Amino acid sequence: MDFKDYIRVIPDFPQPGISFKDITTLLKQGEVYRSAINELRKMVEHLEIDVIAGPEARGFVVGAPLAYALGVGFTPIRKSGKLPYETIEAGYALEYGKDKLAMHVDAIQKGQNVLIADDLLATGGTIATSVNLVRQLGGNVVGAAFMIELTDLNGRDKLQGIDVFTLMQYE
């Protein structure tokens, strides 16, 4: 299946020069969504994964069903101030701004193998920050899985030593 057939590309969003890859058009097609998650599952099932961590918000719609398909736990990575319990935080730069991510201090147990899952790998800032948070908690990042990778933004460069799995690539 060519998953690109189900991605809506929106030019100049959220600002001029950005070509936004909208996965909502894929998500609304139940069989396509299931196929995408199943393909990601096949890519990562050889890894020893204890838990999947997904950054807000689209990382939830990729990471949670992938965790379910693999029979492992899921933990959210949220923006600062959104989690109700004690957290750790780290700042990061987006391709069009800055933000902070947070995780509960007990979200990852020391030594757990963690797969990070999100909808899109662009510059790598969000995922590098997610890796940082997982490692601060003592987790071992065994890979990162995405529906889409924007190859010309070189996000993989920020994930040296981490296996990266993607369904689709755009330049």
N, C-alpha and C. Protein backbone atom coordinates (compact mmCIF):
# COMPACT_ATOMS: atom_id res chain seq x y z
N MET A 1 0.84 -1.18 0.00
CA MET A 1 0.00 0.00 0.00
C MET A 1 0.88 1.24 0.00
N ASP A 2 0.54 2.20 -0.82
CA ASP A 2 1.27 3.46 -0.84
C ASP A 2 0.58 4.44 0.11
N PHE A 3 1.13 4.55 1.31
CA PHE A 3 0.52 5.39 2.34
C PHE A 3 0.52 6.87 1.96
N LYS A 4 1.41 7.27 1.07
CA LYS A 4 1.43 8.67 0.63
C LYS A 4 0.12 9.08 -0.04
N ASP A 5 -0.58 8.10 -0.60
CA ASP A 5 -1.87 8.39 -1.23
C ASP A 5 -2.89 8.91 -0.22
N TYR A 6 -2.64 8.72 1.07
CA TYR A 6 -3.58 9.10 2.12
C TYR A 6 -3.09 10.28 2.96
N ILE A 7 -2.01 10.92 2.52
CA ILE A 7 -1.47 12.08 3.23
C ILE A 7 -1.84 13.35 2.47
N ARG A 8 -2.41 14.31 3.20
CA ARG A 8 -2.73 15.61 2.61
C ARG A 8 -1.54 16.54 2.85
N VAL A 9 -1.06 17.15 1.80
CA VAL A 9 0.06 18.09 1.90
C VAL A 9 -0.51 19.51 1.80
N ILE A 10 -0.21 20.30 2.83
CA ILE A 10 -0.75 21.66 2.92
C ILE A 10 0.42 22.64 2.83
N PRO A 11 0.53 23.38 1.72
CA PRO A 11 1.63 24.33 1.57
C PRO A 11 1.47 25.54 2.49
N ASP A 12 2.63 26.05 2.92
CA ASP A 12 2.69 27.28 3.72
C ASP A 12 1.90 27.22 5.02
N PHE A 13 1.92 26.05 5.67
CA PHE A 13 1.30 25.91 6.99
C PHE A 13 2.29 25.22 7.91
N PRO A 14 2.48 25.74 9.09
CA PRO A 14 1.82 26.85 9.78
C PRO A 14 2.40 28.22 9.44
N GLN A 15 3.42 28.23 8.57
CA GLN A 15 3.99 29.50 8.13
C GLN A 15 4.53 29.33 6.72
N PRO A 16 4.77 30.43 6.01
CA PRO A 16 5.28 30.33 4.64
C PRO A 16 6.57 29.50 4.57
N GLY A 17 6.63 28.67 3.56
CA GLY A 17 7.81 27.83 3.36
C GLY A 17 7.72 26.45 3.96
N ILE A 18 6.77 26.23 4.87
CA ILE A 18 6.57 24.91 5.48
C ILE A 18 5.53 24.16 4.65
N SER A 19 5.81 22.92 4.34
CA SER A 19 4.87 22.06 3.61
C SER A 19 4.38 21.00 4.59
N PHE A 20 3.23 21.25 5.21
CA PHE A 20 2.72 20.41 6.29
C PHE A 20 2.18 19.09 5.75
N LYS A 21 2.62 17.99 6.34
CA LYS A 21 2.13 16.66 5.97
C LYS A 21 1.06 16.26 6.99
N ASP A 22 -0.19 16.25 6.54
CA ASP A 22 -1.35 16.02 7.41
C ASP A 22 -1.73 14.54 7.41
N ILE A 23 -1.57 13.88 8.56
CA ILE A 23 -1.90 12.45 8.65
C ILE A 23 -3.37 12.22 8.97
N THR A 24 -4.14 13.27 9.24
CA THR A 24 -5.55 13.06 9.60
C THR A 24 -6.33 12.39 8.47
N THR A 25 -5.90 12.61 7.24
CA THR A 25 -6.56 11.98 6.11
C THR A 25 -6.28 10.48 6.06
N LEU A 26 -5.15 10.06 6.62
CA LEU A 26 -4.84 8.64 6.75
C LEU A 26 -5.60 8.05 7.94
N LEU A 27 -5.60 8.77 9.05
CA LEU A 27 -6.22 8.28 10.28
C LEU A 27 -7.72 8.01 10.12
N LYS A 28 -8.38 8.79 9.30
CA LYS A 28 -9.84 8.63 9.17
C LYS A 28 -10.23 7.43 8.32
N GLN A 29 -9.27 6.81 7.67
CA GLN A 29 -9.51 5.60 6.88
C GLN A 29 -9.12 4.40 7.74
N GLY A 30 -10.08 3.77 8.40
CA GLY A 30 -9.81 2.73 9.38
C GLY A 30 -8.86 1.64 8.92
N GLU A 31 -9.09 1.09 7.75
CA GLU A 31 -8.24 0.01 7.26
C GLU A 31 -6.83 0.51 6.92
N VAL A 32 -6.72 1.73 6.43
CA VAL A 32 -5.41 2.30 6.10
C VAL A 32 -4.64 2.58 7.39
N TYR A 33 -5.32 3.15 8.38
CA TYR A 33 -4.71 3.42 9.69
C TYR A 33 -4.22 2.11 10.30
N ARG A 34 -5.05 1.09 10.29
CA ARG A 34 -4.66 -0.21 10.83
C ARG A 34 -3.45 -0.77 10.07
N SER A 35 -3.46 -0.64 8.75
CA SER A 35 -2.34 -1.13 7.94
C SER A 35 -1.05 -0.38 8.26
N ALA A 36 -1.15 0.92 8.45
CA ALA A 36 0.03 1.71 8.79
C ALA A 36 0.62 1.27 10.13
N ILE A 37 -0.23 1.10 11.13
CA ILE A 37 0.24 0.64 12.44
C ILE A 37 0.83 -0.76 12.33
N ASN A 38 0.18 -1.64 11.58
CA ASN A 38 0.70 -3.00 11.40
C ASN A 38 2.04 -3.01 10.69
N GLU A 39 2.23 -2.12 9.72
CA GLU A 39 3.53 -2.04 9.03
C GLU A 39 4.61 -1.55 9.99
N LEU A 40 4.29 -0.55 10.80
CA LEU A 40 5.26 -0.10 11.81
C LEU A 40 5.57 -1.23 12.80
N ARG A 41 4.53 -1.96 13.21
CA ARG A 41 4.74 -3.10 14.12
C ARG A 41 5.73 -4.09 13.53
N LYS A 42 5.55 -4.43 12.26
CA LYS A 42 6.46 -5.38 11.60
C LYS A 42 7.90 -4.85 11.58
N MET A 43 8.06 -3.55 11.43
CA MET A 43 9.40 -2.95 11.37
C MET A 43 10.13 -3.04 12.71
N VAL A 44 9.37 -2.98 13.82
CA VAL A 44 10.02 -2.87 15.13
C VAL A 44 9.85 -4.09 16.03
N GLU A 45 9.07 -5.08 15.60
CA GLU A 45 8.77 -6.19 16.50
C GLU A 45 10.00 -7.03 16.86
N HIS A 46 11.08 -6.90 16.11
CA HIS A 46 12.31 -7.63 16.44
C HIS A 46 13.06 -6.99 17.62
N LEU A 47 12.71 -5.76 17.95
CA LEU A 47 13.35 -5.07 19.07
C LEU A 47 12.78 -5.57 20.40
N GLU A 48 13.57 -5.52 21.43
CA GLU A 48 13.08 -5.85 22.77
C GLU A 48 12.54 -4.57 23.39
N ILE A 49 11.23 -4.36 23.26
CA ILE A 49 10.59 -3.12 23.71
C ILE A 49 9.76 -3.40 24.96
N ASP A 50 9.99 -2.59 25.99
CA ASP A 50 9.18 -2.67 27.21
C ASP A 50 8.05 -1.66 27.20
N VAL A 51 8.32 -0.50 26.62
CA VAL A 51 7.33 0.57 26.62
C VAL A 51 7.57 1.49 25.42
N ILE A 52 6.50 2.07 24.92
CA ILE A 52 6.59 3.06 23.86
C ILE A 52 6.27 4.42 24.46
N ALA A 53 7.09 5.41 24.11
CA ALA A 53 6.85 6.79 24.53
C ALA A 53 6.51 7.60 23.28
N GLY A 54 5.44 8.41 23.38
CA GLY A 54 5.01 9.21 22.24
C GLY A 54 4.81 10.65 22.64
N PRO A 55 5.46 11.58 21.91
CA PRO A 55 5.26 13.00 22.21
C PRO A 55 3.91 13.51 21.73
N GLU A 56 3.37 14.41 22.50
CA GLU A 56 2.08 15.05 22.23
C GLU A 56 2.10 15.73 20.88
N ALA A 57 1.08 15.77 20.14
CA ALA A 57 -0.16 15.03 20.32
C ALA A 57 -0.23 13.87 19.33
N ARG A 58 0.38 14.07 18.17
CA ARG A 58 0.25 13.01 17.16
C ARG A 58 1.06 11.78 17.50
N GLY A 59 2.03 11.90 18.39
CA GLY A 59 2.74 10.71 18.87
C GLY A 59 1.83 9.78 19.63
N PHE A 60 0.73 10.32 20.17
CA PHE A 60 -0.24 9.48 20.87
C PHE A 60 -0.99 8.58 19.89
N VAL A 61 -1.35 9.12 18.70
CA VAL A 61 -2.14 8.35 17.75
C VAL A 61 -1.30 7.36 16.96
N VAL A 62 0.01 7.47 17.07
CA VAL A 62 0.91 6.48 16.50
C VAL A 62 1.39 5.53 17.59
N GLY A 63 1.88 6.08 18.68
CA GLY A 63 2.49 5.28 19.74
C GLY A 63 1.53 4.39 20.50
N ALA A 64 0.35 4.89 20.85
CA ALA A 64 -0.58 4.09 21.64
C ALA A 64 -1.08 2.86 20.88
N PRO A 65 -1.55 2.99 19.64
CA PRO A 65 -1.98 1.78 18.94
C PRO A 65 -0.82 0.84 18.62
N LEU A 66 0.37 1.38 18.42
CA LEU A 66 1.54 0.54 18.18
C LEU A 66 1.88 -0.24 19.45
N ALA A 67 1.79 0.41 20.60
CA ALA A 67 2.01 -0.28 21.88
C ALA A 67 0.99 -1.39 22.07
N TYR A 68 -0.25 -1.11 21.77
CA TYR A 68 -1.32 -2.10 21.86
C TYR A 68 -1.02 -3.30 20.95
N ALA A 69 -0.62 -3.01 19.71
CA ALA A 69 -0.33 -4.08 18.74
C ALA A 69 0.84 -4.95 19.19
N LEU A 70 1.80 -4.35 19.90
CA LEU A 70 2.97 -5.08 20.37
C LEU A 70 2.77 -5.69 21.76
N GLY A 71 1.69 -5.31 22.43
CA GLY A 71 1.45 -5.82 23.78
C GLY A 71 2.38 -5.24 24.83
N VAL A 72 2.78 -3.97 24.63
CA VAL A 72 3.65 -3.28 25.59
C VAL A 72 2.94 -2.03 26.10
N GLY A 73 3.52 -1.40 27.10
CA GLY A 73 2.94 -0.19 27.66
C GLY A 73 3.21 1.03 26.81
N PHE A 74 2.46 2.09 27.11
CA PHE A 74 2.62 3.38 26.45
C PHE A 74 2.72 4.46 27.51
N THR A 75 3.60 5.42 27.30
CA THR A 75 3.69 6.57 28.18
C THR A 75 3.73 7.85 27.34
N PRO A 76 2.94 8.84 27.73
CA PRO A 76 2.91 10.09 26.98
C PRO A 76 4.06 11.03 27.36
N ILE A 77 4.53 11.74 26.37
CA ILE A 77 5.45 12.86 26.57
C ILE A 77 4.63 14.09 26.24
N ARG A 78 4.46 14.97 27.23
CA ARG A 78 3.54 16.10 27.06
C ARG A 78 4.28 17.42 27.10
N LYS A 79 3.58 18.45 26.69
CA LYS A 79 4.12 19.79 26.83
C LYS A 79 4.13 20.17 28.31
N SER A 80 5.03 21.05 28.65
CA SER A 80 5.20 21.49 30.02
C SER A 80 3.87 21.95 30.63
N GLY A 81 3.61 21.54 31.87
CA GLY A 81 2.42 21.97 32.60
C GLY A 81 1.19 21.14 32.36
N LYS A 82 1.26 20.09 31.56
CA LYS A 82 0.09 19.28 31.22
C LYS A 82 -0.02 17.98 32.00
N LEU A 83 1.03 17.56 32.68
CA LEU A 83 0.99 16.31 33.43
C LEU A 83 0.72 16.59 34.90
N PRO A 84 -0.13 15.77 35.54
CA PRO A 84 -0.57 16.06 36.89
C PRO A 84 0.39 15.67 38.01
N TYR A 85 1.38 14.86 37.73
CA TYR A 85 2.28 14.36 38.77
C TYR A 85 3.64 15.03 38.60
N GLU A 86 4.58 14.70 39.45
CA GLU A 86 5.93 15.24 39.39
C GLU A 86 6.58 14.89 38.05
N THR A 87 7.25 15.87 37.45
CA THR A 87 7.80 15.68 36.11
C THR A 87 9.27 16.09 36.02
N ILE A 88 9.89 15.66 34.93
CA ILE A 88 11.15 16.23 34.48
C ILE A 88 10.82 16.93 33.16
N GLU A 89 11.61 17.96 32.81
CA GLU A 89 11.35 18.73 31.60
C GLU A 89 12.63 19.00 30.83
N ALA A 90 12.47 19.25 29.54
CA ALA A 90 13.59 19.65 28.69
C ALA A 90 13.04 20.55 27.59
N GLY A 91 13.79 21.58 27.23
CA GLY A 91 13.41 22.49 26.17
C GLY A 91 13.92 22.01 24.82
N TYR A 92 13.28 22.47 23.76
CA TYR A 92 13.69 22.09 22.40
C TYR A 92 13.22 23.14 21.41
N ALA A 93 13.82 23.10 20.22
CA ALA A 93 13.44 24.01 19.14
C ALA A 93 12.70 23.24 18.06
N LEU A 94 11.57 23.77 17.63
CA LEU A 94 10.84 23.24 16.49
C LEU A 94 11.38 23.89 15.23
N GLU A 95 10.95 23.39 14.07
CA GLU A 95 11.36 24.05 12.84
C GLU A 95 10.73 25.43 12.73
N TYR A 96 9.72 25.72 13.56
CA TYR A 96 9.07 27.04 13.51
C TYR A 96 8.75 27.58 14.91
N GLY A 97 9.61 27.29 15.90
CA GLY A 97 9.40 27.83 17.23
C GLY A 97 10.14 27.05 18.30
N LYS A 98 9.78 27.29 19.57
CA LYS A 98 10.40 26.62 20.72
C LYS A 98 9.32 26.13 21.67
N ASP A 99 9.66 25.09 22.46
CA ASP A 99 8.71 24.55 23.43
C ASP A 99 9.46 23.74 24.46
N LYS A 100 8.72 23.19 25.43
CA LYS A 100 9.28 22.30 26.45
C LYS A 100 8.44 21.04 26.49
N LEU A 101 9.11 19.90 26.71
CA LEU A 101 8.43 18.63 26.89
C LEU A 101 8.66 18.14 28.30
N ALA A 102 7.71 17.30 28.76
CA ALA A 102 7.79 16.78 30.12
C ALA A 102 7.35 15.32 30.15
N MET A 103 7.86 14.61 31.14
CA MET A 103 7.43 13.24 31.43
C MET A 103 7.30 13.09 32.94
N HIS A 104 6.38 12.23 33.35
CA HIS A 104 6.31 11.89 34.78
C HIS A 104 7.63 11.25 35.21
N VAL A 105 8.04 11.52 36.42
CA VAL A 105 9.31 10.98 36.92
C VAL A 105 9.30 9.46 37.01
N ASP A 106 8.12 8.86 37.05
CA ASP A 106 8.03 7.40 37.14
C ASP A 106 7.51 6.76 35.84
N ALA A 107 7.56 7.51 34.73
CA ALA A 107 7.04 7.01 33.45
C ALA A 107 7.88 5.87 32.88
N ILE A 108 9.17 5.92 33.12
CA ILE A 108 10.11 4.92 32.63
C ILE A 108 10.89 4.40 33.83
N GLN A 109 11.01 3.09 33.91
CA GLN A 109 11.82 2.50 34.96
C GLN A 109 13.25 2.34 34.46
N LYS A 110 14.21 2.48 35.36
CA LYS A 110 15.62 2.34 34.99
C LYS A 110 15.85 1.00 34.29
N GLY A 111 16.48 1.07 33.12
CA GLY A 111 16.80 -0.14 32.37
C GLY A 111 15.74 -0.58 31.37
N GLN A 112 14.57 0.05 31.37
CA GLN A 112 13.54 -0.34 30.41
C GLN A 112 13.96 0.04 28.99
N ASN A 113 13.60 -0.83 28.05
CA ASN A 113 13.84 -0.55 26.64
C ASN A 113 12.65 0.21 26.08
N VAL A 114 12.94 1.37 25.49
CA VAL A 114 11.89 2.29 25.05
C VAL A 114 12.00 2.55 23.55
N LEU A 115 10.87 2.44 22.88
CA LEU A 115 10.74 2.87 21.49
C LEU A 115 10.00 4.19 21.52
N ILE A 116 10.52 5.18 20.83
CA ILE A 116 9.83 6.46 20.72
C ILE A 116 9.07 6.47 19.39
N ALA A 117 7.80 6.84 19.43
CA ALA A 117 6.97 6.83 18.23
C ALA A 117 6.28 8.18 18.05
N ASP A 118 6.26 8.65 16.81
CA ASP A 118 5.61 9.91 16.48
C ASP A 118 5.12 9.85 15.04
N ASP A 119 4.38 10.86 14.64
CA ASP A 119 3.88 10.86 13.27
C ASP A 119 4.95 11.23 12.27
N LEU A 120 5.88 12.15 12.66
CA LEU A 120 6.77 12.73 11.68
C LEU A 120 8.13 13.06 12.26
N LEU A 121 9.17 12.73 11.52
CA LEU A 121 10.54 13.14 11.85
C LEU A 121 10.91 14.26 10.89
N ALA A 122 11.12 15.46 11.44
CA ALA A 122 11.50 16.61 10.62
C ALA A 122 12.94 16.98 10.98
N THR A 123 13.13 18.02 11.79
CA THR A 123 14.47 18.45 12.17
C THR A 123 15.06 17.58 13.27
N GLY A 124 14.21 16.81 13.94
CA GLY A 124 14.67 15.91 15.00
C GLY A 124 14.67 16.51 16.39
N GLY A 125 14.30 17.78 16.51
CA GLY A 125 14.33 18.44 17.82
C GLY A 125 13.41 17.82 18.84
N THR A 126 12.17 17.54 18.45
CA THR A 126 11.21 16.94 19.38
C THR A 126 11.67 15.55 19.81
N ILE A 127 12.15 14.77 18.87
CA ILE A 127 12.53 13.39 19.18
C ILE A 127 13.83 13.36 19.97
N ALA A 128 14.78 14.22 19.64
CA ALA A 128 16.02 14.29 20.42
C ALA A 128 15.72 14.66 21.87
N THR A 129 14.79 15.57 22.06
CA THR A 129 14.38 15.95 23.42
C THR A 129 13.69 14.79 24.11
N SER A 130 12.86 14.05 23.39
CA SER A 130 12.20 12.87 23.95
C SER A 130 13.24 11.82 24.36
N VAL A 131 14.25 11.62 23.53
CA VAL A 131 15.34 10.69 23.86
C VAL A 131 16.03 11.14 25.13
N ASN A 132 16.31 12.43 25.22
CA ASN A 132 16.96 13.00 26.40
C ASN A 132 16.15 12.72 27.67
N LEU A 133 14.84 12.94 27.61
CA LEU A 133 13.98 12.70 28.77
C LEU A 133 13.98 11.23 29.18
N VAL A 134 13.85 10.34 28.20
CA VAL A 134 13.86 8.90 28.49
C VAL A 134 15.17 8.50 29.15
N ARG A 135 16.27 9.00 28.62
CA ARG A 135 17.59 8.67 29.19
C ARG A 135 17.78 9.26 30.58
N GLN A 136 17.23 10.46 30.81
CA GLN A 136 17.31 11.04 32.16
C GLN A 136 16.63 10.13 33.19
N LEU A 137 15.59 9.43 32.76
CA LEU A 137 14.86 8.53 33.65
C LEU A 137 15.50 7.14 33.72
N GLY A 138 16.59 6.94 33.00
CA GLY A 138 17.29 5.66 33.05
C GLY A 138 16.85 4.66 31.99
N GLY A 139 16.04 5.12 31.04
CA GLY A 139 15.58 4.23 29.97
C GLY A 139 16.61 4.08 28.87
N ASN A 140 16.51 2.98 28.15
CA ASN A 140 17.37 2.67 27.01
C ASN A 140 16.54 2.82 25.73
N VAL A 141 16.86 3.81 24.91
CA VAL A 141 16.11 4.03 23.67
C VAL A 141 16.60 3.03 22.63
N VAL A 142 15.71 2.10 22.24
CA VAL A 142 16.08 1.04 21.31
C VAL A 142 15.69 1.37 19.87
N GLY A 143 14.96 2.47 19.66
CA GLY A 143 14.58 2.85 18.31
C GLY A 143 13.58 3.99 18.33
N ALA A 144 13.32 4.49 17.11
CA ALA A 144 12.32 5.55 16.93
C ALA A 144 11.54 5.21 15.66
N ALA A 145 10.21 5.27 15.74
CA ALA A 145 9.34 4.90 14.62
C ALA A 145 8.43 6.06 14.25
N PHE A 146 8.29 6.27 12.94
CA PHE A 146 7.51 7.39 12.42
C PHE A 146 6.69 6.96 11.22
N MET A 147 5.56 7.61 11.02
CA MET A 147 4.84 7.41 9.78
C MET A 147 5.57 8.11 8.64
N ILE A 148 6.09 9.31 8.90
CA ILE A 148 6.68 10.15 7.85
C ILE A 148 8.05 10.66 8.29
N GLU A 149 8.97 10.72 7.33
CA GLU A 149 10.26 11.36 7.54
C GLU A 149 10.48 12.40 6.45
N LEU A 150 10.86 13.60 6.83
CA LEU A 150 11.22 14.66 5.89
C LEU A 150 12.75 14.62 5.76
N THR A 151 13.24 13.92 4.76
CA THR A 151 14.68 13.61 4.67
C THR A 151 15.56 14.84 4.50
N ASP A 152 15.07 15.87 3.82
CA ASP A 152 15.91 17.04 3.58
C ASP A 152 16.17 17.87 4.83
N LEU A 153 15.45 17.59 5.92
CA LEU A 153 15.67 18.32 7.18
C LEU A 153 16.66 17.62 8.10
N ASN A 154 17.13 16.43 7.70
CA ASN A 154 18.22 15.73 8.38
C ASN A 154 17.97 15.44 9.85
N GLY A 155 16.74 15.12 10.21
CA GLY A 155 16.42 14.81 11.60
C GLY A 155 17.17 13.60 12.14
N ARG A 156 17.50 12.66 11.27
CA ARG A 156 18.26 11.47 11.70
C ARG A 156 19.61 11.84 12.31
N ASP A 157 20.16 12.97 11.87
CA ASP A 157 21.46 13.39 12.38
C ASP A 157 21.44 13.63 13.89
N LYS A 158 20.29 13.98 14.43
CA LYS A 158 20.16 14.21 15.87
C LYS A 158 19.89 12.92 16.63
N LEU A 159 19.75 11.82 15.91
CA LEU A 159 19.43 10.53 16.53
C LEU A 159 20.53 9.51 16.30
N GLN A 160 21.77 9.97 16.31
CA GLN A 160 22.91 9.08 16.09
C GLN A 160 22.88 7.90 17.06
N GLY A 161 23.08 6.70 16.51
CA GLY A 161 23.10 5.50 17.34
C GLY A 161 21.74 4.92 17.63
N ILE A 162 20.68 5.54 17.10
CA ILE A 162 19.31 5.06 17.31
C ILE A 162 18.75 4.59 15.97
N ASP A 163 18.24 3.38 15.94
CA ASP A 163 17.61 2.88 14.71
C ASP A 163 16.32 3.65 14.46
N VAL A 164 16.15 4.12 13.21
CA VAL A 164 14.99 4.90 12.82
C VAL A 164 14.19 4.11 11.79
N PHE A 165 12.88 4.02 12.02
CA PHE A 165 11.97 3.28 11.15
C PHE A 165 10.88 4.22 10.66
N THR A 166 10.68 4.29 9.33
CA THR A 166 9.64 5.16 8.78
C THR A 166 8.85 4.45 7.68
N LEU A 167 7.57 4.80 7.59
CA LEU A 167 6.72 4.26 6.53
C LEU A 167 6.90 5.02 5.22
N MET A 168 7.07 6.33 5.31
CA MET A 168 7.12 7.20 4.13
C MET A 168 8.22 8.21 4.29
N GLN A 169 8.81 8.59 3.17
CA GLN A 169 9.82 9.65 3.18
C GLN A 169 9.47 10.70 2.13
N TYR A 170 9.66 11.95 2.51
CA TYR A 170 9.48 13.08 1.60
C TYR A 170 10.78 13.89 1.64
N GLU A 171 11.11 14.49 0.49
CA GLU A 171 12.27 15.39 0.46
C GLU A 171 11.82 16.77 0.80
